[in-house]
Amino acid sequence: MKQAQGITEQLKAENALEWVGHLGNIRACAREIVNKEIIFA
């Protein structure tokens, strides 16, 4: 997911707050996928 959204270590070094926001979005998406496909299947 990080590669698909273009999140790099360079972004982490240049703009840590934006990097954290992107990772939070990935975490939320992953949680939604798990809930949909495993828990509520």
PDB file of N, CA and C in Angstrom:
ATOM      1  N   MET A   1       0.825  -1.190   0.000  1.00  0.00           N
ATOM      2  CA  MET A   1       0.000   0.000   0.000  1.00  0.00           C
ATOM      3  C   MET A   1       0.871   1.256   0.000  1.00  0.00           C
ATOM      4  N   LYS A   2       1.990   1.206   0.730  1.00  0.00           N
ATOM      5  CA  LYS A   2       2.877   2.367   0.739  1.00  0.00           C
ATOM      6  C   LYS A   2       3.415   2.657  -0.647  1.00  0.00           C
ATOM      7  N   GLN A   3       3.821   1.625  -1.352  1.00  0.00           N
ATOM      8  CA  GLN A   3       4.359   1.819  -2.701  1.00  0.00           C
ATOM      9  C   GLN A   3       3.290   2.336  -3.642  1.00  0.00           C
ATOM     10  N   ALA A   4       2.075   1.835  -3.526  1.00  0.00           N
ATOM     11  CA  ALA A   4       0.994   2.251  -4.409  1.00  0.00           C
ATOM     12  C   ALA A   4       0.658   3.726  -4.222  1.00  0.00           C
ATOM     13  N   GLN A   5       0.804   4.232  -3.004  1.00  0.00           N
ATOM     14  CA  GLN A   5       0.490   5.628  -2.729  1.00  0.00           C
ATOM     15  C   GLN A   5       1.708   6.536  -2.821  1.00  0.00           C
ATOM     16  N   GLY A   6       2.858   5.964  -3.112  1.00  0.00           N
ATOM     17  CA  GLY A   6       4.063   6.764  -3.311  1.00  0.00           C
ATOM     18  C   GLY A   6       4.651   7.311  -2.024  1.00  0.00           C
ATOM     19  N   ILE A   7       4.474   6.590  -0.940  1.00  0.00           N
ATOM     20  CA  ILE A   7       5.010   7.025   0.354  1.00  0.00           C
ATOM     21  C   ILE A   7       6.434   6.485   0.470  1.00  0.00           C
ATOM     22  N   THR A   8       7.393   7.399   0.639  1.00  0.00           N
ATOM     23  CA  THR A   8       8.802   7.011   0.647  1.00  0.00           C
ATOM     24  C   THR A   8       9.477   7.494   1.920  1.00  0.00           C
ATOM     25  N   GLU A   9      10.679   7.012   2.115  1.00  0.00           N
ATOM     26  CA  GLU A   9      11.486   7.479   3.239  1.00  0.00           C
ATOM     27  C   GLU A   9      11.873   8.944   3.045  1.00  0.00           C
ATOM     28  N   GLN A  10      11.948   9.371   1.797  1.00  0.00           N
ATOM     29  CA  GLN A  10      12.262  10.768   1.517  1.00  0.00           C
ATOM     30  C   GLN A  10      11.125  11.664   2.016  1.00  0.00           C
ATOM     31  N   LEU A  11       9.892  11.241   1.814  1.00  0.00           N
ATOM     32  CA  LEU A  11       8.749  12.000   2.325  1.00  0.00           C
ATOM     33  C   LEU A  11       8.805  12.056   3.850  1.00  0.00           C
ATOM     34  N   LYS A  12       9.188  10.953   4.470  1.00  0.00           N
ATOM     35  CA  LYS A  12       9.314  10.902   5.924  1.00  0.00           C
ATOM     36  C   LYS A  12      10.335  11.932   6.403  1.00  0.00           C
ATOM     37  N   ALA A  13      11.441  12.050   5.691  1.00  0.00           N
ATOM     38  CA  ALA A  13      12.489  12.987   6.081  1.00  0.00           C
ATOM     39  C   ALA A  13      12.075  14.436   5.833  1.00  0.00           C
ATOM     40  N   GLU A  14      11.344  14.670   4.748  1.00  0.00           N
ATOM     41  CA  GLU A  14      10.997  16.036   4.381  1.00  0.00           C
ATOM     42  C   GLU A  14       9.753  16.559   5.097  1.00  0.00           C
ATOM     43  N   ASN A  15       8.752  15.709   5.274  1.00  0.00           N
ATOM     44  CA  ASN A  15       7.493  16.160   5.851  1.00  0.00           C
ATOM     45  C   ASN A  15       6.907  15.031   6.697  1.00  0.00           C
ATOM     46  N   ALA A  16       7.361  14.935   7.928  1.00  0.00           N
ATOM     47  CA  ALA A  16       6.968  13.837   8.812  1.00  0.00           C
ATOM     48  C   ALA A  16       5.468  13.847   9.100  1.00  0.00           C
ATOM     49  N   LEU A  17       4.870  15.004   9.233  1.00  0.00           N
ATOM     50  CA  LEU A  17       3.449  15.078   9.557  1.00  0.00           C
ATOM     51  C   LEU A  17       2.596  14.513   8.418  1.00  0.00           C
ATOM     52  N   GLU A  18       2.930  14.847   7.192  1.00  0.00           N
ATOM     53  CA  GLU A  18       2.205  14.296   6.042  1.00  0.00           C
ATOM     54  C   GLU A  18       2.407  12.789   5.963  1.00  0.00           C
ATOM     55  N   TRP A  19       3.617  12.321   6.238  1.00  0.00           N
ATOM     56  CA  TRP A  19       3.939  10.899   6.213  1.00  0.00           C
ATOM     57  C   TRP A  19       3.085  10.141   7.223  1.00  0.00           C
ATOM     58  N   VAL A  20       2.969  10.680   8.431  1.00  0.00           N
ATOM     59  CA  VAL A  20       2.153  10.046   9.475  1.00  0.00           C
ATOM     60  C   VAL A  20       0.687  10.008   9.049  1.00  0.00           C
ATOM     61  N   GLY A  21       0.218  11.068   8.427  1.00  0.00           N
ATOM     62  CA  GLY A  21      -1.152  11.090   7.943  1.00  0.00           C
ATOM     63  C   GLY A  21      -1.428  10.013   6.914  1.00  0.00           C
ATOM     64  N   HIS A  22      -0.482   9.835   6.001  1.00  0.00           N
ATOM     65  CA  HIS A  22      -0.636   8.783   4.991  1.00  0.00           C
ATOM     66  C   HIS A  22      -0.641   7.398   5.626  1.00  0.00           C
ATOM     67  N   LEU A  23       0.221   7.180   6.599  1.00  0.00           N
ATOM     68  CA  LEU A  23       0.267   5.875   7.252  1.00  0.00           C
ATOM     69  C   LEU A  23      -1.014   5.609   8.029  1.00  0.00           C
ATOM     70  N   GLY A  24      -1.568   6.642   8.636  1.00  0.00           N
ATOM     71  CA  GLY A  24      -2.847   6.492   9.332  1.00  0.00           C
ATOM     72  C   GLY A  24      -3.953   6.109   8.367  1.00  0.00           C
ATOM     73  N   ASN A  25      -3.917   6.684   7.181  1.00  0.00           N
ATOM     74  CA  ASN A  25      -4.899   6.339   6.157  1.00  0.00           C
ATOM     75  C   ASN A  25      -4.748   4.880   5.729  1.00  0.00           C
ATOM     76  N   ILE A  26      -3.518   4.432   5.549  1.00  0.00           N
ATOM     77  CA  ILE A  26      -3.265   3.034   5.178  1.00  0.00           C
ATOM     78  C   ILE A  26      -3.766   2.106   6.272  1.00  0.00           C
ATOM     79  N   ARG A  27      -3.506   2.448   7.517  1.00  0.00           N
ATOM     80  CA  ARG A  27      -3.949   1.619   8.645  1.00  0.00           C
ATOM     81  C   ARG A  27      -5.475   1.510   8.658  1.00  0.00           C
ATOM     82  N   ALA A  28      -6.160   2.633   8.424  1.00  0.00           N
ATOM     83  CA  ALA A  28      -7.622   2.625   8.406  1.00  0.00           C
ATOM     84  C   ALA A  28      -8.150   1.765   7.255  1.00  0.00           C
ATOM     85  N   CYS A  29      -7.522   1.862   6.101  1.00  0.00           N
ATOM     86  CA  CYS A  29      -7.937   1.052   4.956  1.00  0.00           C
ATOM     87  C   CYS A  29      -7.725  -0.436   5.238  1.00  0.00           C
ATOM     88  N   ALA A  30      -6.600  -0.776   5.816  1.00  0.00           N
ATOM     89  CA  ALA A  30      -6.307  -2.174   6.133  1.00  0.00           C
ATOM     90  C   ALA A  30      -7.308  -2.711   7.147  1.00  0.00           C
ATOM     91  N   ARG A  31      -7.642  -1.917   8.150  1.00  0.00           N
ATOM     92  CA  ARG A  31      -8.620  -2.333   9.153  1.00  0.00           C
ATOM     93  C   ARG A  31      -9.985  -2.559   8.504  1.00  0.00           C
ATOM     94  N   GLU A  32     -10.359  -1.690   7.582  1.00  0.00           N
ATOM     95  CA  GLU A  32     -11.633  -1.830   6.889  1.00  0.00           C
ATOM     96  C   GLU A  32     -11.670  -3.105   6.056  1.00  0.00           C
ATOM     97  N   ILE A  33     -10.561  -3.421   5.380  1.00  0.00           N
ATOM     98  CA  ILE A  33     -10.481  -4.645   4.585  1.00  0.00           C
ATOM     99  C   ILE A  33     -10.614  -5.871   5.480  1.00  0.00           C
ATOM    100  N   VAL A  34      -9.903  -5.884   6.594  1.00  0.00           N
ATOM    101  CA  VAL A  34      -9.983  -7.020   7.520  1.00  0.00           C
ATOM    102  C   VAL A  34     -11.393  -7.169   8.058  1.00  0.00           C
ATOM    103  N   ASN A  35     -12.001  -6.082   8.460  1.00  0.00           N
ATOM    104  CA  ASN A  35     -13.358  -6.152   8.980  1.00  0.00           C
ATOM    105  C   ASN A  35     -14.325  -6.701   7.938  1.00  0.00           C
ATOM    106  N   LYS A  36     -14.210  -6.222   6.712  1.00  0.00           N
ATOM    107  CA  LYS A  36     -15.130  -6.622   5.655  1.00  0.00           C
ATOM    108  C   LYS A  36     -14.935  -8.081   5.251  1.00  0.00           C
ATOM    109  N   GLU A  37     -13.687  -8.496   5.062  1.00  0.00           N
ATOM    110  CA  GLU A  37     -13.429  -9.808   4.486  1.00  0.00           C
ATOM    111  C   GLU A  37     -13.294 -10.931   5.505  1.00  0.00           C
ATOM    112  N   ILE A  38     -12.944 -10.613   6.731  1.00  0.00           N
ATOM    113  CA  ILE A  38     -12.723 -11.672   7.721  1.00  0.00           C
ATOM    114  C   ILE A  38     -13.789 -11.652   8.806  1.00  0.00           C
ATOM    115  N   ILE A  39     -14.022 -10.526   9.399  1.00  0.00           N
ATOM    116  CA  ILE A  39     -14.924 -10.463  10.544  1.00  0.00           C
ATOM    117  C   ILE A  39     -16.387 -10.537  10.108  1.00  0.00           C
ATOM    118  N   PHE A  40     -16.771  -9.751   9.117  1.00  0.00           N
ATOM    119  CA  PHE A  40     -18.170  -9.663   8.725  1.00  0.00           C
ATOM    120  C   PHE A  40     -18.516 -10.525   7.514  1.00  0.00           C
ATOM    121  N   ALA A  41     -17.642 -11.432   7.157  1.00  0.00           N
ATOM    122  CA  ALA A  41     -17.884 -12.276   5.973  1.00  0.00           C
ATOM    123  C   ALA A  41     -18.919 -13.346   6.256  1.00  0.00           C
TER     124      ALA A  41
END
